Amino acid sequence: MRAGRVAATFLGLRRAVCLALPALVAGAMAVAPAVAGASAPEYSLSIVEGANTQPEDPILHVSGYVHPDAEVAVSITRNGLVIVKDHGNNGVWLSQVPQVGDVVTLESPAGVTRGAVVYDGLPSLDPTVCAGSTNFSGQRSAGETVEGGYYSVVPHPSYFARRDGGMAQVQALSGQSFSGSFLTPLAGGETVFAVESLVSPLTGGATFAYSSENDRPVGACPVPPSPPPPPPPLALMGSIAKLPRTTIHGLMHSGWSNQVTINQPGTIVEDLYLHEGALPAFAAASKHAASARKHHRHKPPAPLLARGTASATAAGTVTVTMRLTATGRRVLRHARSAKVVLIATLHANSGAKLTLERRSLTLHR
């Protein structure tokens, strides 16, 4: 099993280095050294964090690489103290990974720093990169390119093998985020990963390539949040904005128009009763409601003289015109004056109802 893990380990290291090969080759060609056949050094530092679907196959590591072969050392520094360091020829492998804020340094030869990064824990994958989804998105270090994909881990008697599933189509890199998609939906049992990388030129034509990879098993998609509760209905409000004076003669010939405000779409109904008899129960003033109900049992209903209706398509002020009923014409035909009560009722489209304070007045001929 150990031999298989070592083989898989160096496959991962080679994969991280391959991420930077196009840029490294281009840099080497652009600044070819004066000595024929010599090539500028290529330094590579890779961090792999996370896990796959096989807990027995840990993937966490930090690796360093230099080409052509030379001494190389990799260290992790935390709060100014080196917590782990190793060196070797050509490549170095650490089974420990840094915490966010740690400094990871590559030296070649030991004591000569070729590149160092402050680890920020990126890239990360959004929870929506999940089973049944084709989404590929997350956070990255600003300025770094991103690629990703998914694979399956196949256990063998002495090693674990990776079976590549497919690569992500990265479509946008904006600020500290990236987004894209897979050609086919992810499935449980697979491992998804994202890799960010950056190649920086060094003096003499050398290059320093950094890559950071984050792997995790494909999990279930998060349950979408419940929609917020609907806002409470707007309390129905309104008032009689303008009530011009009128006469019995004017009411009989052209009706009586006035203005009413309402704070939401609805209908306004105005009723004009003769101040004789029992008014509708809803029209009684609240402080007199009990006594009004008691006396109304023995009084005939008050005659309805006029009625007007108007609709409001939005909050605002509308004009309501009351027209005489047949009863109103009969009662007022020969009257010299009449005591009347105006009752305005608001009906909101939401179903709410509000009766405004009644108005008592006297009409003259």
Protein backbone atom coordinates (compact mmCIF):
# COMPACT_ATOMS: atom_id res chain seq x y z
CA MET A 1 0.00 0.00 0.00
CA ARG A 2 2.81 2.47 0.84
CA ALA A 3 4.39 2.01 -2.61
CA GLY A 4 1.05 2.79 -4.23
CA ARG A 5 0.64 5.92 -2.14
CA VAL A 6 4.11 7.12 -3.05
CA ALA A 7 3.35 6.57 -6.72
CA ALA A 8 0.08 8.47 -6.42
CA THR A 9 1.87 11.20 -4.53
CA PHE A 10 4.40 11.87 -7.26
CA LEU A 11 1.60 11.70 -9.83
CA GLY A 12 -0.03 14.55 -7.95
CA LEU A 13 3.27 16.43 -7.82
CA ARG A 14 3.78 15.95 -11.53
CA ARG A 15 0.25 17.12 -12.17
CA ALA A 16 0.88 20.34 -10.19
CA VAL A 17 4.06 20.97 -12.13
CA CYS A 18 2.33 20.37 -15.45
CA LEU A 19 -0.06 23.19 -14.65
CA ALA A 20 2.81 25.62 -15.09
CA LEU A 21 4.67 23.96 -17.97
CA PRO A 22 3.28 26.12 -20.82
CA ALA A 23 4.21 29.32 -19.04
CA LEU A 24 7.54 27.91 -17.92
CA VAL A 25 8.49 26.83 -21.43
CA ALA A 26 7.46 30.19 -22.85
CA GLY A 27 9.53 31.99 -20.20
CA ALA A 28 12.54 29.82 -20.85
CA MET A 29 12.36 30.43 -24.60
CA ALA A 30 11.98 34.18 -24.12
CA VAL A 31 15.08 34.47 -21.94
CA ALA A 32 17.32 31.71 -23.29
CA PRO A 33 20.66 31.66 -21.43
CA ALA A 34 23.82 32.55 -23.20
CA VAL A 35 25.31 29.09 -22.69
CA ALA A 36 24.05 26.70 -25.37
CA GLY A 37 22.10 23.72 -24.01
CA ALA A 38 21.56 25.28 -20.53
CA SER A 39 18.05 26.03 -19.25
CA ALA A 40 16.88 28.54 -16.66
CA PRO A 41 15.82 26.97 -13.33
CA GLU A 42 12.16 26.19 -12.85
CA TYR A 43 10.93 26.19 -9.24
CA SER A 44 7.52 24.79 -8.28
CA LEU A 45 5.61 24.81 -4.99
CA SER A 46 2.33 22.92 -4.58
CA ILE A 47 -0.18 22.64 -1.71
CA VAL A 48 -2.97 20.04 -1.75
CA GLU A 49 -5.68 20.20 0.92
CA GLY A 50 -9.00 18.48 1.56
CA ALA A 51 -9.97 14.83 1.21
CA ASN A 52 -11.35 12.31 -1.25
CA THR A 53 -13.85 9.51 -0.80
CA GLN A 54 -11.25 7.15 0.72
CA PRO A 55 -10.17 8.20 4.24
CA GLU A 56 -7.38 5.60 4.04
CA ASP A 57 -5.85 7.53 1.14
CA PRO A 58 -4.79 10.90 2.60
CA ILE A 59 -4.00 13.53 -0.01
CA LEU A 60 -2.80 16.39 2.22
CA HIS A 61 0.72 17.49 1.34
CA VAL A 62 3.10 20.27 0.39
CA SER A 63 5.64 19.56 -2.33
CA GLY A 64 8.54 21.45 -3.85
CA TYR A 65 10.33 20.80 -7.12
CA VAL A 66 13.26 22.26 -9.06
CA HIS A 67 14.48 21.62 -12.57
CA PRO A 68 17.27 21.02 -13.55
CA ASP A 69 18.01 18.82 -10.55
CA ALA A 70 19.36 20.77 -7.61
CA GLU A 71 19.01 20.91 -3.85
CA VAL A 72 15.58 22.13 -2.76
CA ALA A 73 14.05 22.77 0.69
CA VAL A 74 10.46 23.48 1.70
CA SER A 75 9.35 24.86 5.07
CA ILE A 76 6.18 26.03 6.85
CA THR A 77 6.52 28.98 9.22
CA ARG A 78 3.83 29.85 11.77
CA ASN A 79 3.99 32.99 13.91
CA GLY A 80 7.67 33.39 13.02
CA LEU A 81 8.65 29.83 13.96
CA VAL A 82 9.49 27.09 11.46
CA ILE A 83 7.20 24.19 12.37
CA VAL A 84 8.34 21.78 9.65
CA LYS A 85 11.11 21.75 7.04
CA ASP A 86 12.67 19.19 4.74
CA HIS A 87 15.18 19.22 1.90
CA GLY A 88 16.35 16.92 -0.86
CA ASN A 89 17.53 16.79 -4.42
CA ASN A 90 15.06 17.69 -7.16
CA GLY A 91 11.92 17.26 -5.03
CA VAL A 92 10.65 17.52 -1.44
CA TRP A 93 7.43 16.15 0.03
CA LEU A 94 5.81 17.24 3.32
CA SER A 95 2.79 15.34 4.66
CA GLN A 96 1.78 18.39 6.71
CA VAL A 97 -0.18 21.29 5.26
CA PRO A 98 -0.19 24.91 6.40
CA GLN A 99 -2.92 26.74 8.26
CA VAL A 100 -4.34 29.98 6.94
CA GLY A 101 -1.75 32.69 7.59
CA ASP A 102 1.26 30.34 7.58
CA VAL A 103 4.18 31.16 5.27
CA VAL A 104 5.32 28.38 2.92
CA THR A 105 8.82 28.87 1.52
CA LEU A 106 10.80 27.14 -1.21
CA GLU A 107 14.61 27.42 -1.11
CA SER A 108 17.15 26.22 -3.67
CA PRO A 109 19.78 25.61 -2.53
CA ALA A 110 18.87 25.56 1.18
CA GLY A 111 19.15 29.07 2.54
CA VAL A 112 18.35 30.81 -0.78
CA THR A 113 14.65 31.67 -1.05
CA ARG A 114 13.19 31.28 -4.53
CA GLY A 115 9.55 31.76 -3.63
CA ALA A 116 7.27 32.17 -0.61
CA VAL A 117 3.50 32.45 -0.18
CA VAL A 118 1.20 33.32 2.71
CA TYR A 119 -1.36 30.54 2.64
CA ASP A 120 -4.97 31.81 2.44
CA GLY A 121 -6.81 28.48 2.31
CA LEU A 122 -7.96 29.04 -1.26
CA PRO A 123 -9.35 27.93 -3.61
CA SER A 124 -12.67 26.90 -2.08
CA LEU A 125 -15.73 25.29 -3.63
CA ASP A 126 -19.26 26.54 -3.11
CA PRO A 127 -21.78 24.18 -1.44
CA THR A 128 -23.75 24.22 -4.70
CA VAL A 129 -20.97 22.17 -6.32
CA CYS A 130 -22.88 19.04 -5.36
CA ALA A 131 -24.49 15.81 -6.53
CA GLY A 132 -26.84 16.33 -9.45
CA SER A 133 -25.45 19.78 -10.23
CA THR A 134 -23.22 20.91 -13.09
CA ASN A 135 -22.15 24.04 -11.21
CA PHE A 136 -18.45 24.77 -10.68
CA SER A 137 -17.85 27.90 -8.63
CA GLY A 138 -16.08 29.16 -5.55
CA GLN A 139 -13.47 31.57 -4.21
CA ARG A 140 -9.86 32.02 -5.38
CA SER A 141 -6.83 34.15 -4.63
CA ALA A 142 -7.11 37.30 -6.74
CA GLY A 143 -5.08 37.17 -9.94
CA GLU A 144 -4.64 33.39 -10.04
CA THR A 145 -6.00 31.14 -12.77
CA VAL A 146 -8.34 28.30 -11.85
CA GLU A 147 -9.09 24.89 -13.25
CA GLY A 148 -10.88 21.90 -11.80
CA GLY A 149 -12.54 18.59 -12.38
CA TYR A 150 -13.74 15.44 -10.68
CA TYR A 151 -12.49 11.89 -10.30
CA SER A 152 -13.24 8.57 -8.65
CA VAL A 153 -10.86 6.77 -6.30
CA VAL A 154 -10.52 3.07 -7.08
CA PRO A 155 -8.99 0.98 -4.25
CA HIS A 156 -6.62 -1.87 -5.15
CA PRO A 157 -5.00 -4.41 -2.82
CA SER A 158 -1.81 -2.39 -2.48
CA TYR A 159 -2.67 1.12 -3.74
CA PHE A 160 -5.40 3.59 -4.71
CA ALA A 161 -5.89 4.70 -8.29
CA ARG A 162 -7.70 7.73 -9.67
CA ARG A 163 -10.15 7.46 -12.51
CA ASP A 164 -10.59 10.88 -14.11
CA GLY A 165 -14.21 11.89 -14.66
CA GLY A 166 -14.00 15.19 -16.49
CA MET A 167 -12.71 18.73 -16.38
CA ALA A 168 -14.66 21.85 -15.46
CA GLN A 169 -15.33 24.54 -18.04
CA VAL A 170 -14.18 27.71 -16.27
CA GLN A 171 -16.17 30.61 -17.70
CA ALA A 172 -15.48 33.58 -15.45
CA LEU A 173 -12.73 34.84 -13.14
CA SER A 174 -13.83 37.97 -11.32
CA GLY A 175 -12.12 39.43 -8.28
CA GLN A 176 -11.82 36.61 -5.76
CA SER A 177 -14.46 34.37 -7.34
CA PHE A 178 -14.63 31.94 -10.22
CA SER A 179 -17.50 30.18 -11.96
CA GLY A 180 -18.09 27.61 -14.63
CA SER A 181 -19.78 24.28 -15.22
CA PHE A 182 -19.33 20.59 -15.92
CA LEU A 183 -20.60 18.91 -19.04
CA THR A 184 -22.38 16.28 -16.94
CA PRO A 185 -23.83 16.50 -13.42
CA LEU A 186 -21.67 15.44 -10.50
CA ALA A 187 -22.58 12.22 -8.67
CA GLY A 188 -22.14 10.87 -5.17
CA GLY A 189 -19.03 8.75 -4.78
CA GLU A 190 -16.93 11.16 -6.84
CA THR A 191 -14.39 13.71 -5.66
CA VAL A 192 -14.39 17.24 -7.04
CA PHE A 193 -11.35 19.52 -6.97
CA ALA A 194 -10.28 23.07 -7.82
CA VAL A 195 -6.71 24.21 -8.49
CA GLU A 196 -5.45 27.78 -8.62
CA SER A 197 -2.01 28.60 -9.98
CA LEU A 198 0.33 31.46 -10.72
CA VAL A 199 3.71 31.59 -12.47
CA SER A 200 6.06 34.44 -11.52
CA PRO A 201 9.31 35.36 -13.35
CA LEU A 202 12.57 35.46 -11.41
CA THR A 203 15.92 37.01 -12.29
CA GLY A 204 18.01 35.33 -14.95
CA GLY A 205 15.01 33.84 -16.72
CA ALA A 206 14.07 31.52 -13.85
CA THR A 207 10.41 31.02 -12.90
CA PHE A 208 8.50 30.21 -9.72
CA ALA A 209 5.22 28.32 -10.15
CA TYR A 210 2.74 28.12 -7.25
CA SER A 211 -0.39 25.98 -7.18
CA SER A 212 -2.95 25.24 -4.48
CA GLU A 213 -5.53 22.46 -4.74
CA ASN A 214 -8.66 21.76 -2.73
CA ASP A 215 -10.42 18.37 -3.02
CA ARG A 216 -13.63 17.18 -1.40
CA PRO A 217 -16.12 14.35 -1.88
CA VAL A 218 -19.25 15.25 -3.83
CA GLY A 219 -22.03 15.68 -1.28
CA ALA A 220 -25.74 16.34 -1.32
CA CYS A 221 -26.86 19.75 -2.47
CA PRO A 222 -27.90 22.17 0.29
CA VAL A 223 -31.60 22.49 0.97
CA PRO A 224 -32.77 25.81 -0.47
CA PRO A 225 -33.84 28.26 2.23
CA SER A 226 -37.53 28.67 2.86
CA PRO A 227 -38.98 31.75 1.22
CA PRO A 228 -39.38 34.66 3.61
CA PRO A 229 -42.86 35.04 5.07
CA PRO A 230 -45.06 37.50 3.24
CA PRO A 231 -45.06 40.97 4.75
CA PRO A 232 -48.01 41.74 6.99
CA PRO A 233 -50.88 43.36 5.14
CA LEU A 234 -50.84 47.12 5.09
CA ALA A 235 -53.27 48.51 7.62
CA LEU A 236 -56.18 50.12 5.79
CA MET A 237 -56.36 53.86 6.38
CA GLY A 238 -58.19 56.79 4.84
CA SER A 239 -60.19 59.94 5.47
CA ILE A 240 -62.68 62.31 3.92
CA ALA A 241 -60.27 64.83 2.46
CA LYS A 242 -62.75 67.44 1.27
CA LEU A 243 -66.48 67.71 1.92
CA PRO A 244 -67.94 70.73 0.10
CA ARG A 245 -71.24 72.18 1.20
CA THR A 246 -74.38 71.41 -0.72
CA THR A 247 -78.13 71.96 -0.55
CA ILE A 248 -81.15 69.73 -0.88
CA HIS A 249 -81.79 71.30 -4.28
CA GLY A 250 -78.20 70.65 -5.43
CA LEU A 251 -78.28 67.08 -4.14
CA MET A 252 -81.52 66.35 -6.01
CA HIS A 253 -80.31 67.78 -9.31
CA SER A 254 -76.59 66.93 -9.54
CA GLY A 255 -75.71 64.74 -6.58
CA TRP A 256 -73.06 65.47 -3.98
CA SER A 257 -69.35 65.02 -4.76
CA ASN A 258 -66.53 64.91 -2.24
CA GLN A 259 -62.97 63.60 -2.03
CA VAL A 260 -61.78 60.62 0.00
CA THR A 261 -58.21 59.38 0.52
CA ILE A 262 -57.26 55.70 0.76
CA ASN A 263 -53.78 54.23 1.29
CA GLN A 264 -54.15 51.17 -0.97
CA PRO A 265 -56.19 49.93 -3.92
CA GLY A 266 -59.82 49.41 -3.08
CA THR A 267 -63.37 50.72 -3.25
CA ILE A 268 -65.01 53.59 -1.38
CA VAL A 269 -68.74 53.51 -0.60
CA GLU A 270 -70.52 56.55 0.83
CA ASP A 271 -74.04 56.37 2.27
CA LEU A 272 -76.16 59.34 3.28
CA TYR A 273 -78.84 58.48 5.87
CA LEU A 274 -81.66 60.56 7.28
CA HIS A 275 -80.94 61.21 10.93
CA GLU A 276 -84.11 59.44 11.98
CA GLY A 277 -84.17 55.78 12.86
CA ALA A 278 -81.45 53.25 13.52
CA LEU A 279 -78.20 53.56 11.60
CA PRO A 280 -76.38 50.38 10.56
CA ALA A 281 -74.52 48.87 13.54
CA PHE A 282 -71.08 49.42 11.97
CA ALA A 283 -71.85 53.12 11.65
CA ALA A 284 -72.44 53.71 15.34
CA ALA A 285 -69.62 55.55 17.12
CA SER A 286 -67.61 53.14 19.30
CA LYS A 287 -68.22 55.00 22.56
CA HIS A 288 -71.95 54.83 21.99
CA ALA A 289 -72.02 51.33 20.49
CA ALA A 290 -73.60 49.57 23.48
CA SER A 291 -76.36 52.08 23.99
CA ALA A 292 -76.93 52.35 20.24
CA ARG A 293 -77.50 48.61 19.94
CA LYS A 294 -79.93 48.74 22.84
CA HIS A 295 -82.04 51.55 21.34
CA HIS A 296 -81.81 50.29 17.75
CA ARG A 297 -83.85 47.25 18.72
CA HIS A 298 -86.90 49.50 19.00
CA LYS A 299 -86.21 52.02 16.21
CA PRO A 300 -86.93 51.52 12.50
CA PRO A 301 -83.94 51.66 10.13
CA ALA A 302 -82.82 55.10 9.07
CA PRO A 303 -83.82 55.83 5.44
CA LEU A 304 -80.93 55.70 2.94
CA LEU A 305 -81.12 58.99 1.03
CA ALA A 306 -78.12 58.72 -1.32
CA ARG A 307 -75.25 56.45 -2.20
CA GLY A 308 -71.95 56.85 -4.10
CA THR A 309 -69.19 54.40 -5.08
CA ALA A 310 -65.71 54.96 -6.48
CA SER A 311 -62.71 52.70 -7.13
CA ALA A 312 -59.06 53.44 -6.38
CA THR A 313 -56.47 51.56 -8.46
CA ALA A 314 -53.70 52.78 -6.15
CA ALA A 315 -53.22 54.74 -2.96
CA GLY A 316 -54.40 58.33 -3.35
CA THR A 317 -57.43 60.59 -3.39
CA VAL A 318 -60.57 59.80 -5.36
CA THR A 319 -63.81 61.65 -5.96
CA VAL A 320 -67.05 60.03 -4.82
CA THR A 321 -70.39 61.31 -6.09
CA MET A 322 -73.53 60.38 -4.16
CA ARG A 323 -76.84 60.11 -6.04
CA LEU A 324 -80.29 60.11 -4.46
CA THR A 325 -82.13 56.86 -4.03
CA ALA A 326 -85.85 56.58 -4.76
CA THR A 327 -86.45 56.84 -1.02
CA GLY A 328 -84.26 59.92 -0.84
CA ARG A 329 -86.21 61.69 -3.60
CA ARG A 330 -89.50 60.96 -1.89
CA VAL A 331 -88.26 62.12 1.53
CA LEU A 332 -86.55 65.31 0.30
CA ARG A 333 -89.00 66.37 -2.43
CA HIS A 334 -90.81 68.84 -0.20
CA ALA A 335 -88.37 69.08 2.74
CA ARG A 336 -87.13 72.55 3.75
CA SER A 337 -84.22 71.05 5.75
CA ALA A 338 -82.97 67.63 6.75
CA LYS A 339 -80.59 66.28 9.35
CA VAL A 340 -78.40 63.68 7.69
CA VAL A 341 -75.47 61.35 8.56
CA LEU A 342 -72.68 60.63 6.07
CA ILE A 343 -70.99 57.25 6.42
CA ALA A 344 -67.93 56.42 4.29
CA THR A 345 -66.68 52.82 4.17
CA LEU A 346 -63.36 51.71 2.65
CA HIS A 347 -63.05 48.21 1.15
CA ALA A 348 -59.43 47.23 0.35
CA ASN A 349 -58.72 44.75 -2.44
CA SER A 350 -57.02 42.63 0.23
CA GLY A 351 -60.37 42.14 1.93
CA ALA A 352 -59.91 44.64 4.76
CA LYS A 353 -62.76 46.97 5.64
CA LEU A 354 -62.77 50.30 7.46
CA THR A 355 -65.66 52.63 8.30
CA LEU A 356 -64.55 56.24 8.68
CA GLU A 357 -65.86 58.50 11.41
CA ARG A 358 -69.41 59.48 10.55
CA ARG A 359 -70.31 63.08 9.71
CA SER A 360 -73.59 64.59 10.97
CA LEU A 361 -74.85 67.76 9.26
CA THR A 362 -77.98 69.62 8.25
CA LEU A 363 -78.98 70.25 4.63
CA HIS A 364 -81.18 73.22 3.71
CA ARG A 365 -83.29 73.76 0.73
